[in-house]
C-alpha atoms as a PDB file:
ATOM      1  CA  MET A   1      -0.382   0.003   0.010  1.00  0.00           C
ATOM      2  CA  LYS A   2       1.300   3.171  -1.086  1.00  0.00           C
ATOM      3  CA  ILE A   3      -1.053   5.327   1.906  1.00  0.00           C
ATOM      4  CA  THR A   4       0.026   4.670   5.535  1.00  0.00           C
ATOM      5  CA  GLU A   5      -2.291   5.403   8.485  1.00  0.00           C
ATOM      6  CA  GLN A   6      -0.640   8.361   9.319  1.00  0.00           C
ATOM      7  CA  ASP A   7      -1.426   9.398   5.845  1.00  0.00           C
ATOM      8  CA  VAL A   8      -5.082   8.760   6.437  1.00  0.00           C
ATOM      9  CA  ARG A   9      -4.767  10.225   9.647  1.00  0.00           C
ATOM     10  CA  ASN A  10      -3.183  13.273   8.340  1.00  0.00           C
ATOM     11  CA  ILE A  11      -5.501  13.849   5.335  1.00  0.00           C
ATOM     12  CA  ALA A  12      -8.833  13.783   8.136  1.00  0.00           C
ATOM     13  CA  VAL A  13      -7.228  16.830  10.071  1.00  0.00           C
ATOM     14  CA  LEU A  14      -6.692  18.512   6.935  1.00  0.00           C
ATOM     15  CA  ALA A  15     -10.356  17.842   5.970  1.00  0.00           C
ATOM     16  CA  ASN A  16     -11.744  18.263   9.395  1.00  0.00           C
ATOM     17  CA  LEU A  17     -13.187  14.819   9.581  1.00  0.00           C
ATOM     18  CA  LYS A  18     -13.571  12.615  12.961  1.00  0.00           C
ATOM     19  CA  LEU A  19     -12.726   9.341  11.624  1.00  0.00           C
ATOM     20  CA  ARG A  20     -13.179   6.240  14.111  1.00  0.00           C
ATOM     21  CA  ASP A  21      -9.832   3.609  14.629  1.00  0.00           C
ATOM     22  CA  ASP A  22     -12.008   1.154  12.391  1.00  0.00           C
ATOM     23  CA  GLU A  23     -13.009   3.206   9.674  1.00  0.00           C
ATOM     24  CA  ILE A  24      -8.647   3.958   9.067  1.00  0.00           C
ATOM     25  CA  PRO A  25      -8.356   0.806   7.133  1.00  0.00           C
ATOM     26  CA  LYS A  26     -11.179   1.150   5.132  1.00  0.00           C
ATOM     27  CA  LEU A  27     -10.231   4.856   3.760  1.00  0.00           C
ATOM     28  CA  ARG A  28      -6.532   3.427   3.587  1.00  0.00           C
ATOM     29  CA  ALA A  29      -7.847   1.260   1.097  1.00  0.00           C
ATOM     30  CA  ASP A  30     -10.137   3.430  -0.881  1.00  0.00           C
ATOM     31  CA  LEU A  31      -7.531   6.096  -0.915  1.00  0.00           C
ATOM     32  CA  ASP A  32      -4.942   3.570  -2.125  1.00  0.00           C
ATOM     33  CA  GLY A  33      -7.068   2.427  -4.734  1.00  0.00           C
ATOM     34  CA  ILE A  34      -7.696   5.644  -5.992  1.00  0.00           C
ATOM     35  CA  LEU A  35      -3.724   6.289  -6.339  1.00  0.00           C
ATOM     36  CA  GLU A  36      -3.791   2.868  -8.375  1.00  0.00           C
ATOM     37  CA  HIS A  37      -6.096   3.809 -10.884  1.00  0.00           C
ATOM     38  CA  MET A  38      -4.489   7.583 -11.331  1.00  0.00           C
ATOM     39  CA  ASP A  39      -1.176   5.320 -11.614  1.00  0.00           C
ATOM     40  CA  ALA A  40      -3.041   3.619 -14.569  1.00  0.00           C
ATOM     41  CA  LEU A  41      -4.470   6.229 -16.313  1.00  0.00           C
ATOM     42  CA  LYS A  42      -0.260   7.571 -16.121  1.00  0.00           C
ATOM     43  CA  GLU A  43       0.165   4.742 -18.388  1.00  0.00           C
ATOM     44  CA  ILE A  44      -2.073   5.470 -21.276  1.00  0.00           C
ATOM     45  CA  ASP A  45      -0.685   6.787 -24.291  1.00  0.00           C
ATOM     46  CA  THR A  46      -1.888  10.487 -24.905  1.00  0.00           C
ATOM     47  CA  SER A  47       0.583  11.713 -27.160  1.00  0.00           C
ATOM     48  CA  GLY A  48      -1.708  12.100 -30.238  1.00  0.00           C
ATOM     49  CA  VAL A  49      -4.573  13.882 -28.141  1.00  0.00           C
ATOM     50  CA  GLU A  50      -4.826  16.925 -28.696  1.00  0.00           C
ATOM     51  CA  PRO A  51      -5.157  18.826 -25.314  1.00  0.00           C
ATOM     52  CA  MET A  52      -8.650  20.587 -24.872  1.00  0.00           C
ATOM     53  CA  ALA A  53      -9.109  24.031 -23.886  1.00  0.00           C
ATOM     54  CA  GLN A  54     -12.577  23.303 -22.461  1.00  0.00           C
ATOM     55  CA  VAL A  55     -15.415  20.623 -21.963  1.00  0.00           C
ATOM     56  CA  LEU A  56     -18.228  23.065 -24.240  1.00  0.00           C
ATOM     57  CA  PHE A  57     -18.258  22.635 -27.988  1.00  0.00           C
ATOM     58  CA  ASP A  58     -20.090  24.184 -30.875  1.00  0.00           C
ATOM     59  CA  ALA A  59     -23.425  21.921 -30.242  1.00  0.00           C
ATOM     60  CA  GLY A  60     -25.366  24.039 -32.054  1.00  0.00           C
ATOM     61  CA  GLU A  61     -29.180  23.232 -31.953  1.00  0.00           C
ATOM     62  CA  THR A  62     -28.210  20.679 -28.957  1.00  0.00           C
ATOM     63  CA  ALA A  63     -26.664  22.913 -26.799  1.00  0.00           C
ATOM     64  CA  THR A  64     -28.247  22.870 -23.296  1.00  0.00           C
ATOM     65  CA  LEU A  65     -26.619  25.846 -21.844  1.00  0.00           C
ATOM     66  CA  ARG A  66     -28.926  29.123 -21.508  1.00  0.00           C
ATOM     67  CA  PRO A  67     -28.145  32.312 -22.911  1.00  0.00           C
ATOM     68  CA  ASP A  68     -25.900  34.476 -21.067  1.00  0.00           C
ATOM     69  CA  VAL A  69     -28.530  37.595 -20.266  1.00  0.00           C
ATOM     70  CA  PRO A  70     -27.333  39.757 -17.197  1.00  0.00           C
ATOM     71  CA  LEU A  71     -29.890  40.348 -14.607  1.00  0.00           C
ATOM     72  CA  PRO A  72     -30.188  42.272 -12.000  1.00  0.00           C
ATOM     73  CA  SER A  73     -28.463  41.647  -8.622  1.00  0.00           C
ATOM     74  CA  LEU A  74     -30.623  39.478  -6.372  1.00  0.00           C
ATOM     75  CA  GLY A  75     -30.198  42.195  -3.494  1.00  0.00           C
ATOM     76  CA  ASN A  76     -28.698  41.672   0.083  1.00  0.00           C
ATOM     77  CA  GLU A  77     -31.903  42.122   2.142  1.00  0.00           C
ATOM     78  CA  ALA A  78     -33.595  38.746  -0.384  1.00  0.00           C
ATOM     79  CA  ALA A  79     -29.857  37.316  -0.316  1.00  0.00           C
ATOM     80  CA  LEU A  80     -30.277  36.841   3.872  1.00  0.00           C
ATOM     81  CA  ALA A  81     -34.391  36.508   3.914  1.00  0.00           C
ATOM     82  CA  ASN A  82     -33.926  32.706   4.583  1.00  0.00           C
ATOM     83  CA  ALA A  83     -30.111  32.601   6.417  1.00  0.00           C
ATOM     84  CA  PRO A  84     -30.152  31.088   9.694  1.00  0.00           C
ATOM     85  CA  GLN A  85     -28.447  34.199  11.419  1.00  0.00           C
ATOM     86  CA  PRO A  86     -28.554  37.204   9.292  1.00  0.00           C
ATOM     87  CA  GLY A  87     -26.578  40.351  10.853  1.00  0.00           C
ATOM     88  CA  ALA A  88     -24.864  43.313  10.148  1.00  0.00           C
ATOM     89  CA  GLY A  89     -25.983  42.833   6.204  1.00  0.00           C
ATOM     90  CA  TYR A  90     -23.748  39.523   6.286  1.00  0.00           C
ATOM     91  CA  PHE A  91     -24.488  35.753   6.763  1.00  0.00           C
ATOM     92  CA  LYS A  92     -23.500  34.618  10.462  1.00  0.00           C
ATOM     93  CA  VAL A  93     -21.203  31.238  10.502  1.00  0.00           C
ATOM     94  CA  PRO A  94     -19.790  29.184  13.367  1.00  0.00           C
ATOM     95  CA  LYS A  95     -16.085  29.433  13.882  1.00  0.00           C
ATOM     96  CA  VAL A  96     -14.838  26.406  12.128  1.00  0.00           C
ATOM     97  CA  ILE A  97     -11.371  26.839  12.193  1.00  0.00           C
ATOM     98  CA  GLU A  98      -9.657  26.053  15.984  1.00  0.00           C
ATOM     99  CA  ARG A  99      -5.820  25.433  15.103  1.00  0.00           C
END
């Protein structure tokens, strides 16, 4: 395995995840599987493939995107109407970074 238990614990800390000890081996195997897939992708010969500038292409009538039409902005009052804790014109959120 390429991923160690300590790697999993470090990733969990960075992602603000609280993992139980019994979850670490499963996550370790999952992450290792992802890296194996990435290694397999690295082996594919893409020398004859043109790089994509974007994923959208000229699709004409079949395009599913709406026209880009400027609209008036939502406004502060409407944006905060359903906020659980609005205050002074802003969204109030609990502090999540304790480090």
